[in-house]
Amino acid sequence: MTDTYLVTGGMGCIGAWALYHLRRSGARAVNFDQSEDRHRINWLMTAEEQAAITFVQGDLRDTDGLKAVFAEQGVTHVIHLAALQVPFCRANPVLGAQVNVTGTVNVFEAARENGVNHIAFASSIGVYGPPSDFPPGLIPNDAPKNPRTLYGAYKVCNEGTALVYYEDYGITSTALRPYTVYGVGRNQGMTSEPTKALVAAAKGQRYKIPFSGEMQFQWASDVARQFILAAQQPLAGARGFNLGGPPSNVARFAELAKDALPDAEIEVVDNPLPFPAGFDDSALRASFETVYETPLEEGIAETISHIQRLGDGIEQ
């Protein structure tokens, strides 16, 4: 039987990169998304390349519709990325819960009814609290979860849901918790500002990043490949892992952009975000032989080069 990868939220940044890498590998990919806006995918693939992908428009809240997609498409692997992000959950908590919580339950139910025994899905470092909750240093993988946003609370619920589906039905799962994802396609969300700065710089425009501080930057291409690997290599139980890498200062991010593009004019406002500097990824490294981690200077340079190739076709 041909392996078929279902990517929920493929119109988003990480989802678009996941579809890109699946197509490049020759895998059959099905994109499930409420949106039909392919602008991020268009930044990564030509129309001819996209023809190899099956696009299904649907709503995670539609339980029966999602189950039908699993059955009709012969889904064998799941990469569940679709979710409403922090600002949207804050603006509409009910819709946020329906999409992020009920939608995730629907993914597990569709998998259960169609004999899919493993799911890779997106959690977030938003499940943890602010730096004041922890001692200095990287936050361990098993640190207490005490989110301060509805988005983070919904992600905690998702990880709990995954555990129950393993204990009750034997469905294994791997949740990955990204931090500051950057790269082509990252034009939405609280921490998209560094990428927007790269877009502006590549177009010869000035940009002001409205926050500072230390954080872990993860290249969208790497994050997508880690999700694909998590879908391909099931682990026993319902596991959750921090994505890591060396913490870096936002000011250094801007400096590396200037190294790649000397004319770049990027200002960083002295306004540290209320998040820990970094999260320990040793559990991830102990569980997977491959951890995708492009050095920050290379990821920034490649992102700028990609934006320049696209020209005015890319937006901030």
C-alpha atoms as a PDB file:
ATOM      1  CA  MET A   1       0.000   0.000   0.000  1.00  0.00           C
ATOM      2  CA  THR A   2       1.298   3.432  -0.934  1.00  0.00           C
ATOM      3  CA  ASP A   3       2.113   5.656   2.021  1.00  0.00           C
ATOM      4  CA  THR A   4      -0.101   8.718   2.089  1.00  0.00           C
ATOM      5  CA  TYR A   5       0.712  11.660   4.344  1.00  0.00           C
ATOM      6  CA  LEU A   6      -2.125  13.862   5.548  1.00  0.00           C
ATOM      7  CA  VAL A   7      -0.926  17.348   6.469  1.00  0.00           C
ATOM      8  CA  THR A   8      -3.503  19.452   8.279  1.00  0.00           C
ATOM      9  CA  GLY A   9      -2.856  23.172   7.986  1.00  0.00           C
ATOM     10  CA  GLY A  10      -0.678  22.858   4.896  1.00  0.00           C
ATOM     11  CA  MET A  11      -1.442  26.446   3.900  1.00  0.00           C
ATOM     12  CA  GLY A  12       0.495  27.611   6.956  1.00  0.00           C
ATOM     13  CA  CYS A  13       4.237  28.110   7.154  1.00  0.00           C
ATOM     14  CA  ILE A  14       5.394  24.777   8.608  1.00  0.00           C
ATOM     15  CA  GLY A  15       2.682  22.945   6.683  1.00  0.00           C
ATOM     16  CA  ALA A  16       3.795  24.430   3.363  1.00  0.00           C
ATOM     17  CA  TRP A  17       7.370  23.363   4.063  1.00  0.00           C
ATOM     18  CA  ALA A  18       6.170  19.878   5.025  1.00  0.00           C
ATOM     19  CA  LEU A  19       4.349  19.570   1.697  1.00  0.00           C
ATOM     20  CA  TYR A  20       7.469  20.836  -0.083  1.00  0.00           C
ATOM     21  CA  HIS A  21       9.707  18.203   1.488  1.00  0.00           C
ATOM     22  CA  LEU A  22       7.163  15.404   1.044  1.00  0.00           C
ATOM     23  CA  ARG A  23       6.850  16.221  -2.663  1.00  0.00           C
ATOM     24  CA  ARG A  24      10.617  16.340  -3.061  1.00  0.00           C
ATOM     25  CA  SER A  25      10.905  12.908  -1.478  1.00  0.00           C
ATOM     26  CA  GLY A  26       8.302  11.460  -3.837  1.00  0.00           C
ATOM     27  CA  ALA A  27       5.782  10.752  -1.073  1.00  0.00           C
ATOM     28  CA  ARG A  28       2.059  11.140  -1.700  1.00  0.00           C
ATOM     29  CA  ALA A  29       0.811  14.151   0.240  1.00  0.00           C
ATOM     30  CA  VAL A  30      -2.727  15.319   0.996  1.00  0.00           C
ATOM     31  CA  ASN A  31      -3.252  18.842   2.288  1.00  0.00           C
ATOM     32  CA  PHE A  32      -6.320  19.377   4.503  1.00  0.00           C
ATOM     33  CA  ASP A  33      -7.050  23.015   5.207  1.00  0.00           C
ATOM     34  CA  GLN A  34     -10.039  25.315   5.496  1.00  0.00           C
ATOM     35  CA  SER A  35      -8.198  27.917   3.429  1.00  0.00           C
ATOM     36  CA  GLU A  36      -7.656  27.767  -0.320  1.00  0.00           C
ATOM     37  CA  ASP A  37      -5.021  30.505  -0.221  1.00  0.00           C
ATOM     38  CA  ARG A  38      -1.823  28.949  -1.556  1.00  0.00           C
ATOM     39  CA  HIS A  39       0.435  31.980  -1.303  1.00  0.00           C
ATOM     40  CA  ARG A  40       2.913  30.312   1.068  1.00  0.00           C
ATOM     41  CA  ILE A  41       2.993  27.159  -1.026  1.00  0.00           C
ATOM     42  CA  ASN A  42       3.481  29.318  -4.130  1.00  0.00           C
ATOM     43  CA  TRP A  43       6.614  30.736  -2.503  1.00  0.00           C
ATOM     44  CA  LEU A  44       8.049  27.205  -2.304  1.00  0.00           C
ATOM     45  CA  MET A  45       6.723  25.329  -5.342  1.00  0.00           C
ATOM     46  CA  THR A  46       5.665  25.945  -8.918  1.00  0.00           C
ATOM     47  CA  ALA A  47       2.155  25.095 -10.093  1.00  0.00           C
ATOM     48  CA  GLU A  48       3.562  22.021 -11.822  1.00  0.00           C
ATOM     49  CA  GLU A  49       5.186  20.831  -8.594  1.00  0.00           C
ATOM     50  CA  GLN A  50       1.979  21.431  -6.649  1.00  0.00           C
ATOM     51  CA  ALA A  51       0.079  19.201  -9.094  1.00  0.00           C
ATOM     52  CA  ALA A  52       1.569  16.184  -7.315  1.00  0.00           C
ATOM     53  CA  ILE A  53      -0.210  17.194  -4.075  1.00  0.00           C
ATOM     54  CA  THR A  54      -3.869  16.465  -3.334  1.00  0.00           C
ATOM     55  CA  PHE A  55      -5.628  19.542  -1.934  1.00  0.00           C
ATOM     56  CA  VAL A  56      -8.745  18.978   0.159  1.00  0.00           C
ATOM     57  CA  GLN A  57     -10.661  21.900   1.595  1.00  0.00           C
ATOM     58  CA  GLY A  58     -12.278  21.067   4.921  1.00  0.00           C
ATOM     59  CA  ASP A  59     -12.876  22.105   8.495  1.00  0.00           C
ATOM     60  CA  LEU A  60     -11.310  20.356  11.488  1.00  0.00           C
ATOM     61  CA  ARG A  61     -14.572  20.871  13.346  1.00  0.00           C
ATOM     62  CA  ASP A  62     -16.385  18.631  10.838  1.00  0.00           C
ATOM     63  CA  THR A  63     -15.916  15.210  12.444  1.00  0.00           C
ATOM     64  CA  ASP A  64     -17.571  13.168   9.708  1.00  0.00           C
ATOM     65  CA  GLY A  65     -15.917  15.121   6.922  1.00  0.00           C
ATOM     66  CA  LEU A  66     -12.473  14.538   8.398  1.00  0.00           C
ATOM     67  CA  LYS A  67     -13.145  10.819   8.837  1.00  0.00           C
ATOM     68  CA  ALA A  68     -14.223  10.645   5.197  1.00  0.00           C
ATOM     69  CA  VAL A  69     -10.952  12.237   4.063  1.00  0.00           C
ATOM     70  CA  PHE A  70      -8.946   9.595   5.943  1.00  0.00           C
ATOM     71  CA  ALA A  71     -10.968   6.826   4.311  1.00  0.00           C
ATOM     72  CA  GLU A  72     -11.157   8.245   0.782  1.00  0.00           C
ATOM     73  CA  GLN A  73      -7.497   9.228   0.589  1.00  0.00           C
ATOM     74  CA  GLY A  74      -6.119   6.085   2.225  1.00  0.00           C
ATOM     75  CA  VAL A  75      -4.210   8.061   4.852  1.00  0.00           C
ATOM     76  CA  THR A  76      -1.328   6.162   6.476  1.00  0.00           C
ATOM     77  CA  HIS A  77       0.654   8.990   8.140  1.00  0.00           C
ATOM     78  CA  VAL A  78      -0.590  12.140   9.895  1.00  0.00           C
ATOM     79  CA  ILE A  79       1.160  15.479  10.436  1.00  0.00           C
ATOM     80  CA  HIS A  80      -1.375  17.592  12.328  1.00  0.00           C
ATOM     81  CA  LEU A  81      -0.366  21.254  12.250  1.00  0.00           C
ATOM     82  CA  ALA A  82      -3.627  23.166  11.796  1.00  0.00           C
ATOM     83  CA  ALA A  83      -4.467  25.523  14.651  1.00  0.00           C
ATOM     84  CA  LEU A  84      -5.455  29.077  15.468  1.00  0.00           C
ATOM     85  CA  GLN A  85      -2.508  30.996  16.926  1.00  0.00           C
ATOM     86  CA  VAL A  86      -2.219  33.088  20.096  1.00  0.00           C
ATOM     87  CA  PRO A  87      -3.885  36.340  18.935  1.00  0.00           C
ATOM     88  CA  PHE A  88      -6.809  34.533  17.291  1.00  0.00           C
ATOM     89  CA  CYS A  89      -7.460  32.372  20.362  1.00  0.00           C
ATOM     90  CA  ARG A  90      -7.418  35.471  22.537  1.00  0.00           C
ATOM     91  CA  ALA A  91      -9.836  37.285  20.229  1.00  0.00           C
ATOM     92  CA  ASN A  92     -12.256  34.357  19.963  1.00  0.00           C
ATOM     93  CA  PRO A  93     -11.740  31.764  22.725  1.00  0.00           C
ATOM     94  CA  VAL A  94     -14.699  29.613  21.691  1.00  0.00           C
ATOM     95  CA  LEU A  95     -13.556  29.305  18.090  1.00  0.00           C
ATOM     96  CA  GLY A  96      -9.990  28.721  19.304  1.00  0.00           C
ATOM     97  CA  ALA A  97     -11.153  25.802  21.444  1.00  0.00           C
ATOM     98  CA  GLN A  98     -13.306  24.384  18.665  1.00  0.00           C
ATOM     99  CA  VAL A  99     -10.413  24.367  16.201  1.00  0.00           C
ATOM    100  CA  ASN A 100      -7.450  23.636  18.466  1.00  0.00           C
ATOM    101  CA  VAL A 101      -9.048  21.236  20.952  1.00  0.00           C
ATOM    102  CA  THR A 102     -12.089  19.661  19.297  1.00  0.00           C
ATOM    103  CA  GLY A 103     -10.287  19.675  15.949  1.00  0.00           C
ATOM    104  CA  THR A 104      -7.417  17.682  17.435  1.00  0.00           C
ATOM    105  CA  VAL A 105      -9.827  15.197  19.025  1.00  0.00           C
ATOM    106  CA  ASN A 106     -11.394  14.793  15.573  1.00  0.00           C
ATOM    107  CA  VAL A 107      -7.983  14.006  14.063  1.00  0.00           C
ATOM    108  CA  PHE A 108      -7.408  11.276  16.655  1.00  0.00           C
ATOM    109  CA  GLU A 109     -10.927   9.915  16.130  1.00  0.00           C
ATOM    110  CA  ALA A 110     -10.500   9.835  12.357  1.00  0.00           C
ATOM    111  CA  ALA A 111      -7.196   8.036  12.786  1.00  0.00           C
ATOM    112  CA  ARG A 112      -8.715   5.514  15.201  1.00  0.00           C
ATOM    113  CA  GLU A 113     -11.646   4.679  12.939  1.00  0.00           C
ATOM    114  CA  ASN A 114      -9.407   4.267   9.902  1.00  0.00           C
ATOM    115  CA  GLY A 115      -6.674   2.125  11.426  1.00  0.00           C
ATOM    116  CA  VAL A 116      -3.987   4.826  11.596  1.00  0.00           C
ATOM    117  CA  ASN A 117      -2.000   4.043  14.721  1.00  0.00           C
ATOM    118  CA  HIS A 118       0.387   7.000  14.971  1.00  0.00           C
ATOM    119  CA  ILE A 119       0.070  10.799  14.788  1.00  0.00           C
ATOM    120  CA  ALA A 120       2.672  13.556  14.738  1.00  0.00           C
ATOM    121  CA  PHE A 121       1.240  16.873  15.870  1.00  0.00           C
ATOM    122  CA  ALA A 122       2.255  20.393  16.782  1.00  0.00           C
ATOM    123  CA  SER A 123       2.327  21.466  20.388  1.00  0.00           C
ATOM    124  CA  SER A 124       4.191  24.593  21.485  1.00  0.00           C
ATOM    125  CA  ILE A 125       6.549  26.015  24.081  1.00  0.00           C
ATOM    126  CA  GLY A 126       3.427  27.991  25.006  1.00  0.00           C
ATOM    127  CA  VAL A 127       2.501  25.052  27.261  1.00  0.00           C
ATOM    128  CA  TYR A 128       5.071  26.339  29.766  1.00  0.00           C
ATOM    129  CA  GLY A 129       4.893  29.478  31.840  1.00  0.00           C
ATOM    130  CA  PRO A 130       7.099  32.605  31.921  1.00  0.00           C
ATOM    131  CA  PRO A 131      10.775  32.630  33.006  1.00  0.00           C
ATOM    132  CA  SER A 132       9.747  33.483  36.574  1.00  0.00           C
ATOM    133  CA  ASP A 133       8.295  29.969  36.886  1.00  0.00           C
ATOM    134  CA  PHE A 134      11.680  28.319  36.395  1.00  0.00           C
ATOM    135  CA  PRO A 135      15.262  28.422  37.657  1.00  0.00           C
ATOM    136  CA  PRO A 136      17.956  29.794  35.304  1.00  0.00           C
ATOM    137  CA  GLY A 137      18.969  27.656  32.348  1.00  0.00           C
ATOM    138  CA  LEU A 138      17.185  25.673  29.661  1.00  0.00           C
ATOM    139  CA  ILE A 139      13.676  24.504  30.567  1.00  0.00           C
ATOM    140  CA  PRO A 140      13.643  20.687  30.813  1.00  0.00           C
ATOM    141  CA  ASN A 141      11.388  18.586  28.626  1.00  0.00           C
ATOM    142  CA  ASP A 142       9.356  17.391  31.614  1.00  0.00           C
ATOM    143  CA  ALA A 143       8.970  20.801  33.272  1.00  0.00           C
ATOM    144  CA  PRO A 144       5.536  21.593  34.763  1.00  0.00           C
ATOM    145  CA  LYS A 145       3.069  23.019  32.278  1.00  0.00           C
ATOM    146  CA  ASN A 146       1.436  26.217  33.460  1.00  0.00           C
ATOM    147  CA  PRO A 147       0.457  28.241  30.366  1.00  0.00           C
ATOM    148  CA  ARG A 148      -0.570  31.886  30.508  1.00  0.00           C
ATOM    149  CA  THR A 149      -2.418  31.976  27.176  1.00  0.00           C
ATOM    150  CA  LEU A 150      -5.496  30.171  25.908  1.00  0.00           C
ATOM    151  CA  TYR A 151      -3.396  28.908  23.010  1.00  0.00           C
ATOM    152  CA  GLY A 152      -0.969  27.312  25.460  1.00  0.00           C
ATOM    153  CA  ALA A 153      -3.842  25.857  27.493  1.00  0.00           C
ATOM    154  CA  TYR A 154      -5.332  24.312  24.362  1.00  0.00           C
ATOM    155  CA  LYS A 155      -1.959  22.751  23.509  1.00  0.00           C
ATOM    156  CA  VAL A 156      -1.719  21.257  27.012  1.00  0.00           C
ATOM    157  CA  CYS A 157      -5.142  19.743  26.381  1.00  0.00           C
ATOM    158  CA  ASN A 158      -3.915  18.317  23.074  1.00  0.00           C
ATOM    159  CA  GLU A 159      -1.003  16.582  24.795  1.00  0.00           C
ATOM    160  CA  GLY A 160      -3.397  15.179  27.397  1.00  0.00           C
ATOM    161  CA  THR A 161      -5.748  14.013  24.674  1.00  0.00           C
ATOM    162  CA  ALA A 162      -2.880  12.189  22.986  1.00  0.00           C
ATOM    163  CA  LEU A 163      -2.031  10.368  26.219  1.00  0.00           C
ATOM    164  CA  VAL A 164      -5.608   9.155  26.679  1.00  0.00           C
ATOM    165  CA  TYR A 165      -5.813   7.932  23.084  1.00  0.00           C
ATOM    166  CA  TYR A 166      -2.659   5.923  23.671  1.00  0.00           C
ATOM    167  CA  GLU A 167      -3.872   4.449  26.956  1.00  0.00           C
ATOM    168  CA  ASP A 168      -7.390   3.698  25.674  1.00  0.00           C
ATOM    169  CA  TYR A 169      -6.779   2.808  22.028  1.00  0.00           C
ATOM    170  CA  GLY A 170      -3.038   2.221  21.627  1.00  0.00           C
ATOM    171  CA  ILE A 171      -2.541   5.138  19.215  1.00  0.00           C
ATOM    172  CA  THR A 172       1.006   6.433  19.610  1.00  0.00           C
ATOM    173  CA  SER A 173       1.819  10.071  19.042  1.00  0.00           C
ATOM    174  CA  THR A 174       4.693  12.507  18.925  1.00  0.00           C
ATOM    175  CA  ALA A 175       4.138  16.153  19.780  1.00  0.00           C
ATOM    176  CA  LEU A 176       6.823  18.680  18.865  1.00  0.00           C
ATOM    177  CA  ARG A 177       7.048  22.063  20.587  1.00  0.00           C
ATOM    178  CA  PRO A 178       8.627  24.729  18.346  1.00  0.00           C
ATOM    179  CA  TYR A 179       9.772  28.112  19.619  1.00  0.00           C
ATOM    180  CA  THR A 180      10.537  31.004  17.240  1.00  0.00           C
ATOM    181  CA  VAL A 181      10.130  29.585  13.756  1.00  0.00           C
ATOM    182  CA  TYR A 182      11.562  31.739  10.964  1.00  0.00           C
ATOM    183  CA  GLY A 183      11.925  31.442   7.211  1.00  0.00           C
ATOM    184  CA  VAL A 184       9.964  31.894   4.006  1.00  0.00           C
ATOM    185  CA  GLY A 185       6.261  31.655   4.772  1.00  0.00           C
ATOM    186  CA  ARG A 186       6.459  32.830   8.397  1.00  0.00           C
ATOM    187  CA  ASN A 187       4.393  35.975   7.986  1.00  0.00           C
ATOM    188  CA  GLN A 188       1.812  35.429  10.733  1.00  0.00           C
ATOM    189  CA  GLY A 189       1.922  35.049  14.504  1.00  0.00           C
ATOM    190  CA  MET A 190       3.513  36.768  17.488  1.00  0.00           C
ATOM    191  CA  THR A 191       7.105  35.762  16.713  1.00  0.00           C
ATOM    192  CA  SER A 192       6.955  36.279  12.944  1.00  0.00           C
ATOM    193  CA  GLU A 193       8.637  39.693  13.261  1.00  0.00           C
ATOM    194  CA  PRO A 194      12.243  38.499  12.647  1.00  0.00           C
ATOM    195  CA  THR A 195      11.153  36.917   9.356  1.00  0.00           C
ATOM    196  CA  LYS A 196       9.249  40.056   8.388  1.00  0.00           C
ATOM    197  CA  ALA A 197      12.480  41.972   8.990  1.00  0.00           C
ATOM    198  CA  LEU A 198      14.292  39.670   6.535  1.00  0.00           C
ATOM    199  CA  VAL A 199      11.597  40.243   3.921  1.00  0.00           C
ATOM    200  CA  ALA A 200      11.888  44.009   4.323  1.00  0.00           C
ATOM    201  CA  ALA A 201      15.689  43.889   4.191  1.00  0.00           C
ATOM    202  CA  ALA A 202      15.671  41.796   1.025  1.00  0.00           C
ATOM    203  CA  LYS A 203      13.437  44.442  -0.555  1.00  0.00           C
ATOM    204  CA  GLY A 204      15.663  47.305   0.561  1.00  0.00           C
ATOM    205  CA  GLN A 205      13.235  48.510   3.214  1.00  0.00           C
ATOM    206  CA  ARG A 206      13.823  49.461   6.850  1.00  0.00           C
ATOM    207  CA  TYR A 207      12.205  47.405   9.576  1.00  0.00           C
ATOM    208  CA  LYS A 208      11.760  47.630  13.332  1.00  0.00           C
ATOM    209  CA  ILE A 209      11.451  44.360  15.279  1.00  0.00           C
ATOM    210  CA  PRO A 210       9.203  45.322  18.223  1.00  0.00           C
ATOM    211  CA  PHE A 211      10.793  42.963  20.756  1.00  0.00           C
ATOM    212  CA  SER A 212      14.194  41.811  21.962  1.00  0.00           C
ATOM    213  CA  GLY A 213      15.613  39.149  24.228  1.00  0.00           C
ATOM    214  CA  GLU A 214      17.016  35.646  23.973  1.00  0.00           C
ATOM    215  CA  MET A 215      15.145  32.817  22.297  1.00  0.00           C
ATOM    216  CA  GLN A 216      15.666  29.744  20.132  1.00  0.00           C
ATOM    217  CA  PHE A 217      15.294  30.351  16.402  1.00  0.00           C
ATOM    218  CA  GLN A 218      14.260  27.342  14.336  1.00  0.00           C
ATOM    219  CA  TRP A 219      14.299  27.376  10.537  1.00  0.00           C
ATOM    220  CA  ALA A 220      10.887  26.429   9.116  1.00  0.00           C
ATOM    221  CA  SER A 221      12.427  23.936   6.696  1.00  0.00           C
ATOM    222  CA  ASP A 222      14.099  22.078   9.581  1.00  0.00           C
ATOM    223  CA  VAL A 223      10.944  22.093  11.696  1.00  0.00           C
ATOM    224  CA  ALA A 224       8.903  20.632   8.836  1.00  0.00           C
ATOM    225  CA  ARG A 225      11.441  17.858   8.258  1.00  0.00           C
ATOM    226  CA  GLN A 226      11.386  17.023  11.982  1.00  0.00           C
ATOM    227  CA  PHE A 227       7.601  16.659  11.853  1.00  0.00           C
ATOM    228  CA  ILE A 228       7.880  14.357   8.842  1.00  0.00           C
ATOM    229  CA  LEU A 229      10.440  12.232  10.682  1.00  0.00           C
ATOM    230  CA  ALA A 230       8.193  12.154  13.757  1.00  0.00           C
ATOM    231  CA  ALA A 231       5.356  10.836  11.564  1.00  0.00           C
ATOM    232  CA  GLN A 232       7.611   8.215  10.001  1.00  0.00           C
ATOM    233  CA  GLN A 233       9.211   6.874  13.174  1.00  0.00           C
ATOM    234  CA  PRO A 234       6.626   6.085  15.858  1.00  0.00           C
ATOM    235  CA  LEU A 235       7.800   5.882  19.448  1.00  0.00           C
ATOM    236  CA  ALA A 236       6.079   3.960  22.212  1.00  0.00           C
ATOM    237  CA  GLY A 237       3.493   6.020  24.075  1.00  0.00           C
ATOM    238  CA  ALA A 238       2.356   9.597  23.724  1.00  0.00           C
ATOM    239  CA  ARG A 239       5.574  11.598  23.647  1.00  0.00           C
ATOM    240  CA  GLY A 240       6.167  15.334  23.640  1.00  0.00           C
ATOM    241  CA  PHE A 241       9.461  17.016  22.787  1.00  0.00           C
ATOM    242  CA  ASN A 242      10.915  20.490  22.897  1.00  0.00           C
ATOM    243  CA  LEU A 243      12.605  21.667  19.728  1.00  0.00           C
ATOM    244  CA  GLY A 244      15.800  23.372  20.777  1.00  0.00           C
ATOM    245  CA  GLY A 245      19.049  24.629  19.403  1.00  0.00           C
ATOM    246  CA  PRO A 246      21.328  27.253  20.906  1.00  0.00           C
ATOM    247  CA  PRO A 247      19.503  30.330  22.261  1.00  0.00           C
ATOM    248  CA  SER A 248      20.333  33.524  20.409  1.00  0.00           C
ATOM    249  CA  ASN A 249      19.593  37.193  20.954  1.00  0.00           C
ATOM    250  CA  VAL A 250      17.189  39.008  18.625  1.00  0.00           C
ATOM    251  CA  ALA A 251      19.888  41.639  18.154  1.00  0.00           C
ATOM    252  CA  ARG A 252      22.249  38.915  16.931  1.00  0.00           C
ATOM    253  CA  PHE A 253      19.576  37.748  14.491  1.00  0.00           C
ATOM    254  CA  ALA A 254      19.554  41.275  13.061  1.00  0.00           C
ATOM    255  CA  GLU A 255      23.367  41.322  12.932  1.00  0.00           C
ATOM    256  CA  LEU A 256      23.453  38.042  11.022  1.00  0.00           C
ATOM    257  CA  ALA A 257      20.941  39.477   8.579  1.00  0.00           C
ATOM    258  CA  LYS A 258      23.294  42.404   8.035  1.00  0.00           C
ATOM    259  CA  ASP A 259      26.188  39.989   7.514  1.00  0.00           C
ATOM    260  CA  ALA A 260      24.209  38.333   4.733  1.00  0.00           C
ATOM    261  CA  LEU A 261      22.889  41.630   3.389  1.00  0.00           C
ATOM    262  CA  PRO A 262      25.159  44.547   4.410  1.00  0.00           C
ATOM    263  CA  ASP A 263      22.608  47.193   3.377  1.00  0.00           C
ATOM    264  CA  ALA A 264      19.936  45.765   5.679  1.00  0.00           C
ATOM    265  CA  GLU A 265      18.443  48.343   8.063  1.00  0.00           C
ATOM    266  CA  ILE A 266      16.910  46.444  10.979  1.00  0.00           C
ATOM    267  CA  GLU A 267      16.224  48.028  14.339  1.00  0.00           C
ATOM    268  CA  VAL A 268      15.518  45.956  17.448  1.00  0.00           C
ATOM    269  CA  VAL A 269      13.370  47.570  20.135  1.00  0.00           C
ATOM    270  CA  ASP A 270      14.553  46.969  23.710  1.00  0.00           C
ATOM    271  CA  ASN A 271      11.442  45.080  24.777  1.00  0.00           C
ATOM    272  CA  PRO A 272      12.180  41.492  25.890  1.00  0.00           C
ATOM    273  CA  LEU A 273       9.373  38.995  25.400  1.00  0.00           C
ATOM    274  CA  PRO A 274       8.157  37.310  28.626  1.00  0.00           C
ATOM    275  CA  PHE A 275       9.346  33.862  27.524  1.00  0.00           C
ATOM    276  CA  PRO A 276      12.242  31.667  28.708  1.00  0.00           C
ATOM    277  CA  ALA A 277      15.443  31.929  26.676  1.00  0.00           C
ATOM    278  CA  GLY A 278      15.433  28.300  25.692  1.00  0.00           C
ATOM    279  CA  PHE A 279      14.211  24.760  26.125  1.00  0.00           C
ATOM    280  CA  ASP A 280      16.211  21.590  26.580  1.00  0.00           C
ATOM    281  CA  ASP A 281      16.020  19.314  23.515  1.00  0.00           C
ATOM    282  CA  SER A 282      18.096  16.438  24.928  1.00  0.00           C
ATOM    283  CA  ALA A 283      15.029  14.158  25.050  1.00  0.00           C
ATOM    284  CA  LEU A 284      14.439  14.746  21.338  1.00  0.00           C
ATOM    285  CA  ARG A 285      18.075  13.998  20.535  1.00  0.00           C
ATOM    286  CA  ALA A 286      17.986  10.826  22.616  1.00  0.00           C
ATOM    287  CA  SER A 287      14.875   9.594  20.817  1.00  0.00           C
ATOM    288  CA  PHE A 288      15.695  10.405  17.185  1.00  0.00           C
ATOM    289  CA  GLU A 289      18.970   9.736  15.392  1.00  0.00           C
ATOM    290  CA  THR A 290      18.402  12.809  13.219  1.00  0.00           C
ATOM    291  CA  VAL A 291      17.650  16.294  14.518  1.00  0.00           C
ATOM    292  CA  TYR A 292      17.461  18.926  11.796  1.00  0.00           C
ATOM    293  CA  GLU A 293      19.327  22.035  12.898  1.00  0.00           C
ATOM    294  CA  THR A 294      20.632  24.438  10.270  1.00  0.00           C
ATOM    295  CA  PRO A 295      22.992  27.033  11.781  1.00  0.00           C
ATOM    296  CA  LEU A 296      21.241  30.355  12.249  1.00  0.00           C
ATOM    297  CA  GLU A 297      23.549  32.257   9.904  1.00  0.00           C
ATOM    298  CA  GLU A 298      22.903  29.724   7.119  1.00  0.00           C
ATOM    299  CA  GLY A 299      19.142  29.741   7.604  1.00  0.00           C
ATOM    300  CA  ILE A 300      19.038  33.541   7.548  1.00  0.00           C
ATOM    301  CA  ALA A 301      21.215  33.738   4.433  1.00  0.00           C
ATOM    302  CA  GLU A 302      19.116  31.122   2.624  1.00  0.00           C
ATOM    303  CA  THR A 303      15.901  32.889   3.602  1.00  0.00           C
ATOM    304  CA  ILE A 304      17.154  36.224   2.257  1.00  0.00           C
ATOM    305  CA  SER A 305      18.330  34.558  -0.959  1.00  0.00           C
ATOM    306  CA  HIS A 306      14.959  32.848  -1.382  1.00  0.00           C
ATOM    307  CA  ILE A 307      13.100  36.126  -0.861  1.00  0.00           C
ATOM    308  CA  GLN A 308      15.314  37.870  -3.387  1.00  0.00           C
ATOM    309  CA  ARG A 309      14.572  35.163  -5.968  1.00  0.00           C
ATOM    310  CA  LEU A 310      10.848  35.665  -5.415  1.00  0.00           C
ATOM    311  CA  GLY A 311      11.124  39.440  -5.737  1.00  0.00           C
ATOM    312  CA  ASP A 312       7.913  41.379  -5.197  1.00  0.00           C
ATOM    313  CA  GLY A 313       5.938  38.141  -5.130  1.00  0.00           C
ATOM    314  CA  ILE A 314       6.486  37.751  -1.380  1.00  0.00           C
ATOM    315  CA  GLU A 315       4.788  39.825   1.289  1.00  0.00           C
ATOM    316  CA  GLN A 316       5.769  40.676   4.833  1.00  0.00           C
END
